[in-house]
Amino acid sequence: MLDYPVELTPDDNGTLLVTAPDFPELTTFGEGRKDALARAEDALEEAIAGRIAHRNDVPRPSRGRVTVTLGSLTAVKVLLYRGMREQGVGKAELARRLNWHLPQVDRALDIGHKSRLDQLDAALLAIGLQLRISAQHC
């Protein structure tokens, strides 16, 4: 999983201001800690979606005390996108390797699309990465 740090700062109106050191564009708020972290997860997914749409880097999580964990599907999409960038594989090349149409690749990278895990696994394999899944007590 990808755990990104966030900073929760009490605001003068009784809410918590949420920012993320790895995503300067991310700013949200919450009525309390639980609400702030839930909103932070949504805002983080939007920030990542924006970076992917504009073909910008999605950073690796830095260290922080309070973190927001991305959902598993979003995390896999980030790993796919990051792997493509690191290896210089564009969307057209990935589509060719998988014998997919370009819209299929777009959906695989779309944070808002509920992609099938087997398709994401195939895309990762096509760029030489293997998906490994584990579970741990929380």
Protein backbone atom coordinates (compact mmCIF):
# COMPACT_ATOMS: atom_id res chain seq x y z
CA MET A 1 0.00 0.00 0.00
CA LEU A 2 0.99 3.59 -0.41
CA ASP A 3 0.81 5.67 2.76
CA TYR A 4 1.19 9.38 2.11
CA PRO A 5 1.80 11.77 5.01
CA VAL A 6 -0.63 14.59 5.70
CA GLU A 7 -0.49 17.48 8.10
CA LEU A 8 -3.54 18.29 10.21
CA THR A 9 -3.59 21.87 11.46
CA PRO A 10 -6.34 23.23 13.71
CA ASP A 11 -8.07 26.13 11.98
CA ASP A 12 -9.61 29.15 13.71
CA ASN A 13 -13.14 27.98 12.82
CA GLY A 14 -12.92 24.64 14.67
CA THR A 15 -12.03 22.54 11.63
CA LEU A 16 -8.79 20.80 10.73
CA LEU A 17 -6.87 22.06 7.71
CA VAL A 18 -5.29 19.18 5.75
CA THR A 19 -2.21 19.57 3.57
CA ALA A 20 0.20 17.02 2.14
CA PRO A 21 3.96 17.60 1.88
CA ASP A 22 4.22 15.38 -1.21
CA PHE A 23 1.36 17.17 -2.98
CA PRO A 24 1.55 20.96 -2.51
CA GLU A 25 -1.65 21.33 -4.53
CA LEU A 26 -3.64 19.35 -1.94
CA THR A 27 -5.63 21.35 0.57
CA THR A 28 -8.83 20.23 2.24
CA PHE A 29 -10.43 20.30 5.68
CA GLY A 30 -12.50 18.20 8.02
CA GLU A 31 -14.81 18.69 10.97
CA GLY A 32 -12.72 16.32 13.07
CA ARG A 33 -9.77 13.97 12.66
CA LYS A 34 -11.79 11.13 11.10
CA ASP A 35 -13.57 13.46 8.67
CA ALA A 36 -10.31 15.23 7.80
CA LEU A 37 -8.54 11.95 6.99
CA ALA A 38 -11.47 10.74 4.86
CA ARG A 39 -11.46 14.00 2.92
CA ALA A 40 -7.67 13.78 2.64
CA GLU A 41 -7.95 10.39 0.95
CA ASP A 42 -10.43 11.80 -1.59
CA ALA A 43 -8.26 14.87 -2.19
CA LEU A 44 -5.16 12.70 -2.56
CA GLU A 45 -6.85 10.56 -5.21
CA GLU A 46 -7.87 13.74 -7.07
CA ALA A 47 -4.33 15.15 -6.86
CA ILE A 48 -2.90 11.90 -8.22
CA ALA A 49 -5.51 11.77 -10.99
CA GLY A 50 -4.57 15.32 -11.97
CA ARG A 51 -0.89 14.49 -12.08
CA ILE A 52 -1.49 11.41 -14.22
CA ALA A 53 -3.78 13.38 -16.57
CA HIS A 54 -1.09 16.04 -17.03
CA ARG A 55 1.69 13.43 -17.24
CA ASN A 56 3.45 14.74 -14.15
CA ASP A 57 5.38 12.69 -11.62
CA VAL A 58 3.56 10.97 -8.78
CA PRO A 59 6.07 10.99 -5.93
CA ARG A 60 6.89 8.12 -3.66
CA PRO A 61 5.47 8.71 -0.18
CA SER A 62 7.75 10.61 2.16
CA ARG A 63 7.80 9.87 5.85
CA GLY A 64 5.30 11.42 8.19
CA ARG A 65 3.50 10.68 11.43
CA VAL A 66 -0.08 10.92 10.19
CA THR A 67 -0.66 9.13 6.90
CA VAL A 68 -3.47 8.47 4.46
CA THR A 69 -3.47 5.04 2.85
CA LEU A 70 -4.57 4.87 -0.75
CA GLY A 71 -7.12 2.24 -1.69
CA SER A 72 -5.58 -0.87 -3.22
CA LEU A 73 -6.88 -0.19 -6.74
CA THR A 74 -5.57 3.37 -6.69
CA ALA A 75 -2.21 2.17 -5.35
CA VAL A 76 -1.85 -0.37 -8.18
CA LYS A 77 -2.66 2.33 -10.75
CA VAL A 78 -0.02 4.62 -9.23
CA LEU A 79 2.53 1.79 -9.37
CA LEU A 80 1.65 1.15 -13.02
CA TYR A 81 1.91 4.83 -13.93
CA ARG A 82 5.17 5.28 -12.03
CA GLY A 83 6.62 2.12 -13.65
CA MET A 84 5.68 3.36 -17.11
CA ARG A 85 7.39 6.70 -16.49
CA GLU A 86 10.51 5.12 -14.99
CA GLN A 87 10.88 2.83 -18.00
CA GLY A 88 9.91 5.37 -20.63
CA VAL A 89 6.87 3.37 -21.74
CA GLY A 90 4.10 5.56 -23.11
CA LYS A 91 0.43 4.72 -23.34
CA ALA A 92 0.66 3.78 -27.02
CA GLU A 93 3.56 1.42 -26.36
CA LEU A 94 1.73 -0.22 -23.46
CA ALA A 95 -1.35 -0.67 -25.66
CA ARG A 96 0.82 -2.31 -28.32
CA ARG A 97 2.44 -4.66 -25.80
CA LEU A 98 -0.95 -5.73 -24.46
CA ASN A 99 -2.78 -5.72 -27.79
CA TRP A 100 -5.22 -3.23 -26.24
CA HIS A 101 -6.88 -0.16 -27.69
CA LEU A 102 -5.66 3.17 -26.31
CA PRO A 103 -8.92 3.82 -24.37
CA GLN A 104 -8.28 0.60 -22.42
CA VAL A 105 -4.92 1.98 -21.29
CA ASP A 106 -6.56 5.29 -20.41
CA ARG A 107 -9.07 3.45 -18.22
CA ALA A 108 -6.30 1.43 -16.56
CA LEU A 109 -4.69 4.72 -15.51
CA ASP A 110 -7.94 6.49 -14.63
CA ILE A 111 -8.14 6.71 -10.82
CA GLY A 112 -11.94 7.02 -11.03
CA HIS A 113 -12.41 3.89 -13.15
CA LYS A 114 -12.95 0.57 -11.37
CA SER A 115 -10.46 -1.47 -13.39
CA ARG A 116 -10.20 -5.22 -13.05
CA LEU A 117 -7.19 -6.40 -11.10
CA ASP A 118 -6.26 -8.99 -13.74
CA GLN A 119 -6.00 -6.22 -16.35
CA LEU A 120 -3.77 -4.11 -14.11
CA ASP A 121 -1.68 -7.18 -13.36
CA ALA A 122 -1.25 -7.81 -17.10
CA ALA A 123 -0.26 -4.17 -17.65
CA LEU A 124 2.35 -4.37 -14.89
CA LEU A 125 3.76 -7.58 -16.36
CA ALA A 126 3.95 -5.90 -19.77
CA ILE A 127 6.38 -3.35 -18.32
CA GLY A 128 8.35 -5.96 -16.40
CA LEU A 129 6.79 -5.51 -12.97
CA GLN A 130 5.11 -8.15 -10.84
CA LEU A 131 2.25 -7.29 -8.51
CA ARG A 132 2.63 -8.75 -5.03
CA ILE A 133 -0.22 -8.56 -2.55
CA SER A 134 -0.10 -9.05 1.19
CA ALA A 135 -2.37 -8.45 4.14
CA GLN A 136 -1.44 -7.36 7.63
CA HIS A 137 -3.19 -6.64 10.88
CA CYS A 138 -4.13 -3.00 11.34
